[in-house]
């Protein structure tokens, strides 16, 4: 079975960059499974989602 994680992550990073994504999100995605463990990435994403929801109120 072909491992498509890296090419998918790369394309996701490019798409997020073009959409003007927050730098923290780009760091989380860019380092996912490279230098950050999955749990750390998940925690960062949850933190960003909480920040974005709070900012809308």
PDB file of N, CA and C in Angstrom:
ATOM      1  N   UNK A   1       0.841  -1.179   0.000  1.00  0.00           N
ATOM      2  CA  UNK A   1       0.000   0.000   0.000  1.00  0.00           C
ATOM      3  C   UNK A   1       0.892   1.250   0.000  1.00  0.00           C
ATOM      4  N   UNK A   2       0.579   2.163  -0.863  1.00  0.00           N
ATOM      5  CA  UNK A   2       1.354   3.393  -1.002  1.00  0.00           C
ATOM      6  C   UNK A   2       1.065   4.350   0.155  1.00  0.00           C
ATOM      7  N   UNK A   3       2.111   4.913   0.751  1.00  0.00           N
ATOM      8  CA  UNK A   3       1.953   5.885   1.819  1.00  0.00           C
ATOM      9  C   UNK A   3       1.803   7.269   1.197  1.00  0.00           C
ATOM     10  N   UNK A   4       0.628   7.813   1.301  1.00  0.00           N
ATOM     11  CA  UNK A   4       0.341   9.113   0.692  1.00  0.00           C
ATOM     12  C   UNK A   4       0.350  10.256   1.701  1.00  0.00           C
ATOM     13  N   UNK A   5       0.749   9.971   2.934  1.00  0.00           N
ATOM     14  CA  UNK A   5       0.700  11.013   3.963  1.00  0.00           C
ATOM     15  C   UNK A   5       1.520  12.245   3.566  1.00  0.00           C
ATOM     16  N   UNK A   6       2.776  12.043   3.191  1.00  0.00           N
ATOM     17  CA  UNK A   6       3.652  13.190   2.884  1.00  0.00           C
ATOM     18  C   UNK A   6       3.143  14.031   1.721  1.00  0.00           C
ATOM     19  N   UNK A   7       2.767  13.422   0.589  1.00  0.00           N
ATOM     20  CA  UNK A   7       2.260  14.276  -0.495  1.00  0.00           C
ATOM     21  C   UNK A   7       0.947  14.974  -0.146  1.00  0.00           C
ATOM     22  N   UNK A   8       0.097  14.311   0.627  1.00  0.00           N
ATOM     23  CA  UNK A   8      -1.156  14.953   1.044  1.00  0.00           C
ATOM     24  C   UNK A   8      -0.851  16.121   1.969  1.00  0.00           C
ATOM     25  N   UNK A   9       0.058  15.920   2.922  1.00  0.00           N
ATOM     26  CA  UNK A   9       0.437  16.985   3.847  1.00  0.00           C
ATOM     27  C   UNK A   9       1.026  18.167   3.076  1.00  0.00           C
ATOM     28  N   UNK A  10       1.868  17.886   2.099  1.00  0.00           N
ATOM     29  CA  UNK A  10       2.472  18.955   1.298  1.00  0.00           C
ATOM     30  C   UNK A  10       1.417  19.763   0.557  1.00  0.00           C
ATOM     31  N   UNK A  11       0.456  19.091  -0.054  1.00  0.00           N
ATOM     32  CA  UNK A  11      -0.606  19.781  -0.796  1.00  0.00           C
ATOM     33  C   UNK A  11      -1.507  20.563   0.148  1.00  0.00           C
ATOM     34  N   UNK A  12      -1.773  20.004   1.314  1.00  0.00           N
ATOM     35  CA  UNK A  12      -2.571  20.693   2.314  1.00  0.00           C
ATOM     36  C   UNK A  12      -1.874  21.972   2.752  1.00  0.00           C
ATOM     37  N   UNK A  13      -0.576  21.894   2.974  1.00  0.00           N
ATOM     38  CA  UNK A  13       0.206  23.063   3.380  1.00  0.00           C
ATOM     39  C   UNK A  13       0.147  24.153   2.295  1.00  0.00           C
ATOM     40  N   UNK A  14       0.305  23.768   1.054  1.00  0.00           N
ATOM     41  CA  UNK A  14       0.253  24.739  -0.051  1.00  0.00           C
ATOM     42  C   UNK A  14      -1.131  25.381  -0.122  1.00  0.00           C
ATOM     43  N   UNK A  15      -2.182  24.572  -0.014  1.00  0.00           N
ATOM     44  CA  UNK A  15      -3.546  25.101  -0.076  1.00  0.00           C
ATOM     45  C   UNK A  15      -3.805  26.074   1.075  1.00  0.00           C
ATOM     46  N   UNK A  16      -3.384  25.693   2.272  1.00  0.00           N
ATOM     47  CA  UNK A  16      -3.582  26.573   3.420  1.00  0.00           C
ATOM     48  C   UNK A  16      -2.817  27.885   3.267  1.00  0.00           C
ATOM     49  N   UNK A  17      -1.608  27.799   2.724  1.00  0.00           N
ATOM     50  CA  UNK A  17      -0.810  29.004   2.486  1.00  0.00           C
ATOM     51  C   UNK A  17      -1.525  29.932   1.514  1.00  0.00           C
ATOM     52  N   UNK A  18      -2.029  29.371   0.425  1.00  0.00           N
ATOM     53  CA  UNK A  18      -2.732  30.184  -0.582  1.00  0.00           C
ATOM     54  C   UNK A  18      -4.010  30.803  -0.031  1.00  0.00           C
ATOM     55  N   UNK A  19      -4.614  30.137   0.962  1.00  0.00           N
ATOM     56  CA  UNK A  19      -5.837  30.655   1.572  1.00  0.00           C
ATOM     57  C   UNK A  19      -5.556  31.642   2.698  1.00  0.00           C
ATOM     58  N   UNK A  20      -4.264  31.894   2.958  1.00  0.00           N
ATOM     59  CA  UNK A  20      -3.893  32.866   3.982  1.00  0.00           C
ATOM     60  C   UNK A  20      -4.036  32.341   5.404  1.00  0.00           C
ATOM     61  N   UNK A  21      -3.774  31.071   5.602  1.00  0.00           N
ATOM     62  CA  UNK A  21      -3.933  30.444   6.911  1.00  0.00           C
ATOM     63  C   UNK A  21      -3.025  31.074   7.964  1.00  0.00           C
ATOM     64  N   UNK A  22      -3.482  31.001   9.188  1.00  0.00           N
ATOM     65  CA  UNK A  22      -2.734  31.465  10.345  1.00  0.00           C
ATOM     66  C   UNK A  22      -1.378  30.756  10.409  1.00  0.00           C
ATOM     67  N   UNK A  23      -0.343  31.481  10.816  1.00  0.00           N
ATOM     68  CA  UNK A  23       1.006  30.906  10.873  1.00  0.00           C
ATOM     69  C   UNK A  23       1.088  29.729  11.826  1.00  0.00           C
ATOM     70  N   UNK A  24       0.354  29.771  12.933  1.00  0.00           N
ATOM     71  CA  UNK A  24       0.354  28.650  13.876  1.00  0.00           C
ATOM     72  C   UNK A  24      -0.203  27.387  13.220  1.00  0.00           C
ATOM     73  N   UNK A  25      -1.217  27.552  12.391  1.00  0.00           N
ATOM     74  CA  UNK A  25      -1.783  26.403  11.685  1.00  0.00           C
ATOM     75  C   UNK A  25      -0.778  25.841  10.696  1.00  0.00           C
ATOM     76  N   UNK A  26      -0.089  26.714   9.984  1.00  0.00           N
ATOM     77  CA  UNK A  26       0.922  26.261   9.027  1.00  0.00           C
ATOM     78  C   UNK A  26       2.067  25.536   9.734  1.00  0.00           C
ATOM     79  N   UNK A  27       2.459  26.019  10.893  1.00  0.00           N
ATOM     80  CA  UNK A  27       3.511  25.352  11.658  1.00  0.00           C
ATOM     81  C   UNK A  27       3.049  23.965  12.086  1.00  0.00           C
ATOM     82  N   UNK A  28       1.827  23.870  12.578  1.00  0.00           N
ATOM     83  CA  UNK A  28       1.297  22.573  13.015  1.00  0.00           C
ATOM     84  C   UNK A  28       1.247  21.586  11.864  1.00  0.00           C
ATOM     85  N   UNK A  29       0.718  22.003  10.739  1.00  0.00           N
ATOM     86  CA  UNK A  29       0.605  21.105   9.581  1.00  0.00           C
ATOM     87  C   UNK A  29       1.985  20.787   9.003  1.00  0.00           C
ATOM     88  N   UNK A  30       2.827  21.793   8.882  1.00  0.00           N
ATOM     89  CA  UNK A  30       4.143  21.590   8.291  1.00  0.00           C
ATOM     90  C   UNK A  30       5.043  20.667   9.087  1.00  0.00           C
ATOM     91  N   UNK A  31       4.867  20.634  10.399  1.00  0.00           N
ATOM     92  CA  UNK A  31       5.722  19.810  11.248  1.00  0.00           C
ATOM     93  C   UNK A  31       5.071  18.499  11.683  1.00  0.00           C
ATOM     94  N   UNK A  32       3.847  18.285  11.259  1.00  0.00           N
ATOM     95  CA  UNK A  32       3.112  17.077  11.624  1.00  0.00           C
ATOM     96  C   UNK A  32       3.887  15.845  11.174  1.00  0.00           C
ATOM     97  N   UNK A  33       4.186  14.989  12.086  1.00  0.00           N
ATOM     98  CA  UNK A  33       4.923  13.738  11.893  1.00  0.00           C
ATOM     99  C   UNK A  33       6.380  13.936  11.502  1.00  0.00           C
ATOM    100  N   UNK A  34       6.847  15.160  11.431  1.00  0.00           N
ATOM    101  CA  UNK A  34       8.265  15.414  11.183  1.00  0.00           C
ATOM    102  C   UNK A  34       8.942  15.673  12.523  1.00  0.00           C
ATOM    103  N   UNK A  35       8.638  16.823  13.107  1.00  0.00           N
ATOM    104  CA  UNK A  35       9.260  17.148  14.385  1.00  0.00           C
ATOM    105  C   UNK A  35       8.249  17.262  15.520  1.00  0.00           C
ATOM    106  N   UNK A  36       6.960  17.207  15.197  1.00  0.00           N
ATOM    107  CA  UNK A  36       5.930  17.258  16.233  1.00  0.00           C
ATOM    108  C   UNK A  36       5.153  15.953  16.267  1.00  0.00           C
ATOM    109  N   UNK A  37       4.960  15.391  17.451  1.00  0.00           N
ATOM    110  CA  UNK A  37       4.150  14.182  17.553  1.00  0.00           C
ATOM    111  C   UNK A  37       2.671  14.485  17.284  1.00  0.00           C
ATOM    112  N   UNK A  38       1.932  13.477  16.887  1.00  0.00           N
ATOM    113  CA  UNK A  38       0.512  13.650  16.565  1.00  0.00           C
ATOM    114  C   UNK A  38      -0.255  14.339  17.694  1.00  0.00           C
ATOM    115  N   UNK A  39      -0.002  13.933  18.930  1.00  0.00           N
ATOM    116  CA  UNK A  39      -0.728  14.506  20.071  1.00  0.00           C
ATOM    117  C   UNK A  39      -0.479  16.012  20.173  1.00  0.00           C
ATOM    118  N   UNK A  40       0.745  16.451  19.948  1.00  0.00           N
ATOM    119  CA  UNK A  40       1.077  17.876  20.016  1.00  0.00           C
ATOM    120  C   UNK A  40       0.354  18.643  18.908  1.00  0.00           C
ATOM    121  N   UNK A  41       0.324  18.080  17.709  1.00  0.00           N
ATOM    122  CA  UNK A  41      -0.377  18.727  16.590  1.00  0.00           C
ATOM    123  C   UNK A  41      -1.864  18.835  16.909  1.00  0.00           C
ATOM    124  N   UNK A  42      -2.446  17.767  17.437  1.00  0.00           N
ATOM    125  CA  UNK A  42      -3.859  17.799  17.802  1.00  0.00           C
ATOM    126  C   UNK A  42      -4.129  18.876  18.841  1.00  0.00           C
ATOM    127  N   UNK A  43      -3.273  18.979  19.842  1.00  0.00           N
ATOM    128  CA  UNK A  43      -3.436  20.018  20.866  1.00  0.00           C
ATOM    129  C   UNK A  43      -3.339  21.418  20.272  1.00  0.00           C
ATOM    130  N   UNK A  44      -2.391  21.625  19.351  1.00  0.00           N
ATOM    131  CA  UNK A  44      -2.270  22.929  18.685  1.00  0.00           C
ATOM    132  C   UNK A  44      -3.527  23.267  17.879  1.00  0.00           C
ATOM    133  N   UNK A  45      -4.049  22.280  17.169  1.00  0.00           N
ATOM    134  CA  UNK A  45      -5.250  22.502  16.365  1.00  0.00           C
ATOM    135  C   UNK A  45      -6.449  22.835  17.249  1.00  0.00           C
ATOM    136  N   UNK A  46      -6.582  22.126  18.355  1.00  0.00           N
ATOM    137  CA  UNK A  46      -7.678  22.414  19.280  1.00  0.00           C
ATOM    138  C   UNK A  46      -7.537  23.825  19.847  1.00  0.00           C
ATOM    139  N   UNK A  47      -6.307  24.208  20.182  1.00  0.00           N
ATOM    140  CA  UNK A  47      -6.056  25.552  20.698  1.00  0.00           C
ATOM    141  C   UNK A  47      -6.425  26.611  19.658  1.00  0.00           C
ATOM    142  N   UNK A  48      -6.022  26.395  18.418  1.00  0.00           N
ATOM    143  CA  UNK A  48      -6.354  27.345  17.356  1.00  0.00           C
ATOM    144  C   UNK A  48      -7.859  27.431  17.144  1.00  0.00           C
ATOM    145  N   UNK A  49      -8.544  26.299  17.161  1.00  0.00           N
ATOM    146  CA  UNK A  49      -9.981  26.304  16.972  1.00  0.00           C
ATOM    147  C   UNK A  49     -10.689  27.039  18.115  1.00  0.00           C
ATOM    148  N   UNK A  50     -10.186  26.884  19.319  1.00  0.00           N
ATOM    149  CA  UNK A  50     -10.757  27.590  20.463  1.00  0.00           C
ATOM    150  C   UNK A  50     -10.524  29.092  20.317  1.00  0.00           C
ATOM    151  N   UNK A  51      -9.325  29.469  19.907  1.00  0.00           N
ATOM    152  CA  UNK A  51      -9.015  30.887  19.698  1.00  0.00           C
ATOM    153  C   UNK A  51      -9.898  31.490  18.633  1.00  0.00           C
ATOM    154  N   UNK A  52     -10.113  30.791  17.533  1.00  0.00           N
ATOM    155  CA  UNK A  52     -10.910  31.321  16.425  1.00  0.00           C
ATOM    156  C   UNK A  52     -12.363  31.448  16.830  1.00  0.00           C
ATOM    157  N   UNK A  53     -12.871  30.488  17.586  1.00  0.00           N
ATOM    158  CA  UNK A  53     -14.266  30.554  18.038  1.00  0.00           C
ATOM    159  C   UNK A  53     -14.434  31.714  19.007  1.00  0.00           C
ATOM    160  N   UNK A  54     -13.480  31.880  19.918  1.00  0.00           N
ATOM    161  CA  UNK A  54     -13.549  32.965  20.892  1.00  0.00           C
ATOM    162  C   UNK A  54     -13.458  34.322  20.207  1.00  0.00           C
ATOM    163  N   UNK A  55     -12.670  34.417  19.157  1.00  0.00           N
ATOM    164  CA  UNK A  55     -12.482  35.688  18.447  1.00  0.00           C
ATOM    165  C   UNK A  55     -13.748  36.121  17.734  1.00  0.00           C
ATOM    166  N   UNK A  56     -14.604  35.174  17.356  1.00  0.00           N
ATOM    167  CA  UNK A  56     -15.841  35.500  16.629  1.00  0.00           C
ATOM    168  C   UNK A  56     -16.924  36.045  17.539  1.00  0.00           C
ATOM    169  N   UNK A  57     -16.829  35.802  18.839  1.00  0.00           N
ATOM    170  CA  UNK A  57     -17.886  36.220  19.758  1.00  0.00           C
ATOM    171  C   UNK A  57     -17.849  37.698  20.027  1.00  0.00           C
TER     172      UNK A  57
END
